[in-house]
Protein backbone atom coordinates (compact mmCIF):
# COMPACT_ATOMS: atom_id res chain seq x y z
CA LEU A 1 17.20 8.29 16.76
CA HIS A 2 18.11 4.54 16.42
CA THR A 3 20.99 4.54 17.24
CA LEU A 4 20.40 6.43 20.51
CA ILE A 5 17.89 4.02 21.69
CA ASP A 6 20.35 1.31 20.74
CA PHE A 7 22.81 3.29 22.72
CA GLN A 8 20.42 3.71 25.88
CA PHE A 9 19.06 -0.42 25.44
CA LYS A 10 22.24 -1.40 26.18
CA ILE A 11 23.64 0.76 28.53
CA THR A 12 19.92 -0.03 31.00
CA ILE A 13 21.05 -3.68 30.09
CA ALA A 14 24.50 -3.55 31.46
CA ASN A 15 23.38 -1.74 34.46
CA ASN A 16 20.68 -4.21 35.74
CA PHE A 17 22.18 -7.15 34.66
CA ASN A 18 25.31 -8.58 36.68
CA THR A 19 26.75 -11.52 34.46
CA ASP A 20 26.65 -12.95 30.78
CA ILE A 21 24.52 -15.34 31.37
CA ALA A 22 21.62 -13.38 32.91
CA MET A 23 22.35 -10.74 29.98
CA VAL A 24 22.46 -13.44 26.78
CA SER A 25 18.90 -15.02 28.51
CA PHE A 26 17.16 -11.45 28.25
CA PHE A 27 18.57 -10.26 25.00
CA GLY A 28 17.54 -14.06 23.81
CA GLN A 29 14.11 -13.87 24.89
CA PHE A 30 13.58 -10.13 23.86
CA TYR A 31 14.54 -11.14 20.63
CA MET A 32 12.50 -13.91 20.21
CA ILE A 33 9.29 -12.39 21.67
CA THR A 34 9.84 -8.99 19.32
CA SER A 35 11.08 -11.46 16.01
CA LEU A 36 7.66 -13.29 16.19
CA LEU A 37 5.66 -9.93 17.06
CA SER A 38 6.99 -8.43 14.04
CA LEU A 39 6.46 -11.55 11.92
CA PHE A 40 2.79 -11.60 13.12
CA ILE A 41 2.75 -7.80 12.09
CA GLN A 42 3.99 -8.03 8.81
CA VAL A 43 1.45 -10.78 7.96
CA PHE A 44 -1.48 -9.88 9.57
CA LEU A 45 -1.62 -5.92 11.02
CA ALA A 46 0.56 -3.93 8.50
CA GLY A 47 -1.23 -3.92 5.23
CA ARG A 48 -4.52 -3.50 6.75
CA MET A 49 -3.06 -0.66 8.95
CA ILE A 50 -1.78 1.94 6.00
CA ASN A 51 -4.83 0.61 3.58
CA ARG A 52 -7.18 2.18 6.54
CA PHE A 53 -5.51 4.60 7.89
CA GLY A 54 -2.75 5.58 5.48
CA ILE A 55 0.90 6.10 4.99
CA ILE A 56 1.09 9.16 7.56
CA ALA A 57 0.30 6.47 10.60
CA GLY A 58 2.45 4.29 9.28
CA LEU A 59 5.10 6.59 9.21
CA ASN A 60 3.84 8.49 12.40
CA LEU A 61 2.99 5.22 14.61
CA LEU A 62 6.98 4.98 16.38
CA PRO A 63 8.18 8.23 16.66
CA ILE A 64 4.48 8.98 18.62
CA LEU A 65 5.32 6.07 20.86
CA PHE A 66 8.75 7.49 21.28
CA ILE A 67 7.46 10.69 22.58
CA ALA A 68 4.28 9.20 24.93
CA LEU A 69 6.37 6.35 26.52
CA PRO A 70 9.13 8.25 28.74
CA PHE A 71 5.89 9.80 30.07
CA ILE A 72 4.18 6.73 30.57
CA GLY A 73 7.63 5.90 31.81
CA LEU A 74 7.11 7.96 35.00
CA TYR A 75 5.27 4.80 36.57
CA SER A 76 8.05 2.15 35.14
CA SER A 77 11.52 1.34 35.77
CA ALA A 78 13.80 2.16 33.07
CA LEU A 79 14.44 -1.19 32.13
CA ALA A 80 11.20 -1.50 31.58
CA LEU A 81 11.24 1.80 29.91
CA ILE A 82 13.89 1.61 27.18
CA SER A 83 12.84 -2.17 26.75
CA ILE A 84 9.31 -1.29 25.61
CA MET A 85 11.14 1.54 23.25
CA LYS A 86 13.71 -1.33 22.13
CA GLY A 87 10.94 -3.49 21.03
CA ALA A 88 8.54 -0.81 19.38
CA GLU A 89 11.51 -0.23 17.39
CA GLN A 90 12.21 -3.94 16.62
CA ILE A 91 8.79 -4.71 15.49
CA ILE A 92 7.19 -1.22 13.95
CA LYS A 93 10.25 -0.10 12.04
CA PRO A 94 10.87 -3.31 9.41
CA THR A 95 6.86 -3.93 9.31
CA ILE A 96 4.58 -1.10 9.55
CA PHE A 97 7.06 1.79 9.12
CA GLY A 98 9.18 0.39 6.35
CA SER A 99 6.14 -0.66 4.25
CA SER A 100 4.63 3.00 4.52
CA LEU A 101 8.33 3.99 3.98
CA GLU A 102 8.11 1.98 0.64
CA ILE A 103 5.47 3.19 -0.43
CA ILE A 104 6.78 6.94 -0.44
CA TRP A 105 8.64 5.72 -3.17
CA PHE A 106 6.67 4.71 -5.69
CA PRO A 107 6.09 8.10 -7.35
CA ILE A 108 9.65 8.14 -8.16
CA ASN A 109 10.66 8.15 -11.41
CA ILE A 110 12.90 4.71 -11.82
CA ILE A 111 16.12 6.23 -12.48
CA LYS A 112 15.66 8.74 -9.55
CA LYS A 113 14.80 5.86 -7.57
CA ASN A 114 18.00 3.81 -8.51
CA LEU A 115 20.07 6.59 -7.85
CA TYR A 116 18.90 8.07 -5.02
CA LYS A 117 17.39 5.13 -2.74
CA PRO A 118 20.52 3.06 -2.48
CA ILE A 119 22.73 7.16 -1.48
CA ILE A 120 19.63 7.16 1.18
CA ASN A 121 19.98 3.47 2.75
CA GLY A 122 23.25 3.64 2.86
CA SER A 123 26.08 6.37 2.91
CA ILE A 124 23.66 8.74 4.58
CA LYS A 125 22.26 6.65 7.00
CA LEU A 126 25.92 5.26 7.53
CA LEU A 127 26.87 9.24 8.12
CA VAL A 128 23.94 9.60 10.21
CA GLN A 129 24.89 6.95 12.59
CA ALA A 130 28.72 8.10 12.78
CA LEU A 131 27.73 11.60 13.92
CA THR A 132 25.30 10.07 16.51
CA GLY A 133 28.10 8.04 17.86
CA LEU A 134 30.34 10.75 18.16
CA PHE A 135 27.88 12.68 19.89
CA ILE A 136 27.33 10.05 22.46
CA PHE A 137 31.09 9.53 22.32
CA ILE A 138 31.08 13.57 23.29
CA ILE A 139 28.63 13.25 25.94
CA THR A 140 30.38 10.48 27.92
CA ILE A 141 34.09 12.00 27.48
CA PHE A 142 32.87 15.34 29.48
CA ASN A 143 30.32 13.44 32.07
CA TRP A 144 27.55 15.14 31.17
CA GLU A 145 23.57 13.83 32.15
CA LEU A 146 23.70 11.15 29.78
CA GLN A 147 20.36 10.32 30.63
CA ILE A 148 18.52 13.33 30.65
CA ILE A 149 20.64 14.49 27.38
CA ILE A 150 19.25 11.48 25.57
CA SER A 151 15.94 11.21 26.48
CA THR A 152 15.42 15.19 25.84
CA LEU A 153 16.75 14.37 22.45
CA LEU A 154 15.10 11.46 21.71
CA ILE A 155 11.75 13.50 22.13
CA LEU A 156 12.48 16.16 19.92
CA LEU A 157 13.96 13.92 17.29
CA ALA A 158 10.75 11.96 17.51
CA ILE A 159 8.80 15.26 17.27
CA SER A 160 10.94 16.78 13.95
CA TRP A 161 10.25 12.81 12.86
CA VAL A 162 6.74 13.47 12.75
CA PHE A 163 6.65 17.24 10.75
CA ILE A 164 8.85 15.46 8.49
CA SER A 165 6.36 12.50 8.00
CA ILE A 166 3.54 14.43 7.04
CA LYS A 167 5.88 16.84 4.71
CA MET A 168 6.97 13.50 3.37
CA LYS A 169 3.07 12.21 2.95
CA ASN A 170 2.14 15.27 1.25
CA GLU A 171 4.69 15.41 -1.29
CA TYR A 172 4.15 11.78 -2.21
CA LEU A 173 0.79 12.65 -3.05
CA LYS A 174 1.74 15.58 -5.09
CA GLN A 175 4.48 13.25 -7.31
CA ILE A 176 1.19 11.02 -8.15
CA VAL A 177 -0.77 13.67 -9.29
CA LYS A 178 2.10 14.66 -10.80
CA MET A 179 2.81 10.97 -12.47
CA ILE A 180 -1.03 10.94 -13.66
CA ASP A 181 -0.90 14.27 -15.23
CA ASN A 182 2.23 13.45 -17.18
CA ARG A 183 1.15 10.41 -18.44
CA GLN A 184 4.16 8.94 -16.46
CA ILE A 185 2.84 5.85 -14.83
CA ASN A 186 4.58 2.73 -15.95
CA VAL A 187 2.00 -0.37 -15.16
CA ASP A 188 4.40 -3.00 -16.29
CA ALA A 189 6.99 -1.40 -13.96
CA ILE A 190 4.70 -1.00 -10.83
CA GLU A 191 1.77 -2.02 -8.68
CA ILE A 192 -0.88 0.34 -7.48
CA ASP A 193 -2.38 -0.56 -4.37
CA LEU A 194 -6.22 1.03 -4.26
CA LYS A 195 -6.75 -0.21 -1.41
CA ASN A 196 -4.42 2.61 0.22
CA SER A 197 -7.10 5.43 0.99
CA GLU A 198 -4.72 8.18 -0.21
CA ILE A 199 -4.19 6.98 -3.74
CA LEU A 200 -7.53 5.48 -3.46
CA ASN A 201 -9.18 9.27 -3.43
CA ILE A 202 -6.97 10.87 -6.03
CA PHE A 203 -7.94 8.05 -8.77
CA LYS A 204 -11.56 8.95 -8.18
CA LYS A 205 -10.90 12.53 -8.29
CA TYR A 206 -9.63 11.75 -11.58
CA LEU A 207 -12.59 9.10 -12.45
CA ASN A 208 -14.85 11.85 -12.14
CA LYS A 209 -12.60 14.53 -15.00
CA ASP A 210 -12.72 14.34 -18.66
CA ILE A 211 -13.15 11.67 -20.94
CA ASN A 212 -9.03 11.71 -21.54
CA ASN A 213 -8.72 11.27 -18.08
CA GLN A 214 -11.27 8.51 -17.38
CA MET A 215 -9.05 6.40 -20.15
CA PHE A 216 -6.17 6.82 -18.86
CA ILE A 217 -7.03 6.02 -15.50
CA LEU A 218 -9.37 2.88 -16.65
CA GLU A 219 -5.85 1.71 -19.01
CA THR A 220 -3.85 2.04 -15.62
CA ILE A 221 -5.81 0.27 -13.35
CA LYS A 222 -7.00 -2.83 -15.77
CA LYS A 223 -4.18 -5.17 -14.41
CA GLN A 224 -5.22 -3.98 -10.32
CA ASP A 225 -7.52 -5.11 -7.89
CA VAL A 226 -10.01 -2.57 -8.50
CA SER A 227 -13.10 -3.79 -6.18
CA PRO A 228 -12.57 -0.38 -4.45
CA LEU A 229 -13.33 1.83 -7.54
CA ALA A 230 -16.10 -0.57 -9.16
CA LYS A 231 -19.16 1.84 -8.07
CA GLU A 232 -17.06 4.84 -9.93
CA ILE A 233 -16.01 2.47 -12.79
CA ARG A 234 -19.83 1.06 -13.18
CA CYS A 235 -21.13 4.98 -12.74
CA ILE A 236 -18.65 5.75 -15.76
CA TYR A 237 -20.39 2.95 -17.91
CA GLU A 238 -23.75 3.58 -17.43
CA ASN A 239 -23.27 7.27 -17.79
CA GLY A 240 -20.10 7.27 -20.62
CA THR A 241 -19.46 7.04 -24.28
CA GLN A 242 -19.66 3.70 -26.65
CA GLU A 243 -16.16 3.70 -26.41
CA LEU A 244 -15.61 3.82 -22.82
CA GLN A 245 -17.92 1.74 -22.14
CA ASP A 246 -16.24 -1.25 -25.11
CA PHE A 247 -12.96 -0.98 -22.95
CA ILE A 248 -14.88 -1.31 -19.24
CA LEU A 249 -16.77 -4.35 -21.04
CA THR A 250 -13.30 -5.35 -22.90
CA SER A 251 -10.78 -4.84 -20.03
CA PHE A 252 -13.52 -5.39 -16.69
CA GLY A 253 -15.82 -7.95 -18.08
CA HIS A 254 -14.71 -10.49 -15.16
CA GLU A 255 -15.52 -8.08 -12.75
CA ARG A 256 -18.92 -9.13 -11.49
CA ASN A 257 -19.13 -6.42 -9.33
CA ILE A 258 -18.48 -3.70 -12.12
CA VAL A 259 -20.37 -5.65 -15.41
CA THR A 260 -22.96 -6.79 -13.81
CA ASP A 261 -25.72 -9.72 -14.70
CA LYS A 262 -28.23 -6.93 -15.44
CA ILE A 263 -26.14 -4.61 -17.50
CA LEU A 264 -25.63 -7.56 -19.99
CA LYS A 265 -29.21 -8.52 -20.33
CA THR A 266 -29.82 -5.10 -21.01
CA ASN A 267 -27.41 -4.77 -23.68
CA LEU A 268 -28.65 -7.74 -24.83
CA GLN A 269 -32.30 -6.63 -24.81
CA GLN A 270 -30.76 -3.46 -26.56
CA LYS A 271 -29.01 -4.73 -29.04
CA SER A 272 -25.88 -2.84 -28.02
CA HIS A 273 -22.62 -4.43 -27.12
CA LEU A 274 -23.20 -7.69 -28.62
CA ALA A 275 -19.85 -9.46 -29.32
CA ILE A 276 -18.63 -8.16 -26.19
CA SER A 277 -21.46 -8.64 -23.94
CA ILE A 278 -22.27 -12.34 -25.22
CA ASN A 279 -18.43 -13.20 -24.57
CA ILE A 280 -18.66 -12.19 -21.00
CA ILE A 281 -21.73 -14.22 -20.78
CA LYS A 282 -19.46 -17.45 -21.37
CA SER A 283 -18.40 -17.30 -17.53
CA ARG A 284 -21.57 -16.86 -16.16
CA LYS A 285 -25.14 -18.92 -15.56
CA PHE A 286 -27.43 -17.52 -18.15
CA ASN A 287 -30.11 -19.08 -19.94
CA GLN A 288 -29.20 -19.91 -23.54
CA LYS A 289 -32.56 -19.07 -24.72
CA LEU A 290 -31.78 -15.29 -24.92
CA ILE A 291 -28.23 -16.13 -26.72
CA GLU A 292 -30.23 -18.39 -29.25
CA PRO A 293 -31.51 -15.50 -31.30
CA PHE A 294 -28.51 -14.11 -32.16
CA LEU A 295 -27.05 -16.89 -33.93
CA SER A 296 -28.71 -15.26 -37.03
CA ASN A 297 -27.57 -12.08 -36.29
CA GLN A 298 -26.24 -10.10 -39.16
CA ASN A 299 -22.95 -9.23 -37.69
CA ASN A 300 -20.63 -12.19 -38.15
CA ASN A 301 -18.47 -11.26 -35.08
CA VAL A 302 -22.26 -11.41 -32.92
CA ILE A 303 -22.69 -15.14 -34.63
CA ILE A 304 -19.40 -16.45 -33.36
CA SER A 305 -19.43 -15.33 -30.28
CA ALA A 306 -22.88 -16.61 -29.62
CA ALA A 307 -22.17 -20.02 -30.94
CA SER A 308 -18.58 -20.21 -28.64
CA THR A 309 -20.50 -19.26 -26.02
CA LEU A 310 -23.35 -21.83 -26.56
CA LEU A 311 -21.35 -23.95 -26.62
CA LYS A 312 -19.25 -22.99 -23.70
CA LEU A 313 -22.14 -23.27 -21.58
CA ASP A 314 -23.91 -26.02 -23.16
CA PRO A 315 -21.29 -28.62 -24.73
CA ASN A 316 -24.17 -30.82 -26.34
CA ASN A 317 -25.25 -28.19 -27.82
CA LYS A 318 -26.50 -29.05 -31.57
CA LYS A 319 -27.18 -25.02 -32.86
CA LYS A 320 -23.69 -23.53 -34.65
């Protein structure tokens, strides 16, 4: 598809500009503008769009534009139409589409990814481009209606692209579920983007299951940005076992929207999870009088936590 667009773009430019200087000037302006727009979209829009609308939107934005633009082109010149199509490819392919495609590779086993990704991005890509070039060559030899054939083929390929993208997305989600079920997520090798709506919904689903699934998901995401799951984790804490509560306090105590000041005060009042809760208070503004009574606690860990926390809150505190 990209090879056909590139070919049509260059043919149209050659037919509309009479001198080399005019073509060089057009190409210079065209690639400068598309590069700047591409940079802007990659920095400010690509991630936000994928997070909000999902990878299916990122994968299908370009083919949908390719399908719609020829109909819009009925009211514009051939040069304007093909320039917009080529511009869309230059801008969206390395940004929104490229980012979505990288996400698709996320659930693939690292060994398979290292094996198949270079083949797909290298050999298969080059083979498809070669076949496309051969197709164009055959069309020119037999003097077929080049414009009509390429335009029709572009639309058909774009439609096929949409259906393939939907299938890829569904397979991508299945693979993530499979990784969770088989406990195969390597938290040290990947970064889980919980702002991605599809991934977020899967993790929410597993956080509502039994304690084993909850513990695995919490262990998996403890080094990630968990703000999108703050409500669910806080709910697990409030209704979970002591083991889950200890884990959440230890792993997410720094997250104020999960382990709130209210939770910590309740723990102090109910004398539960004391050592962990008092340690968390070190980084928060608490009344020292709430902690001082625990200096005489029977548990040495609680006494140590209380003493270190009081010294942290007030270095001049003489109680040790």
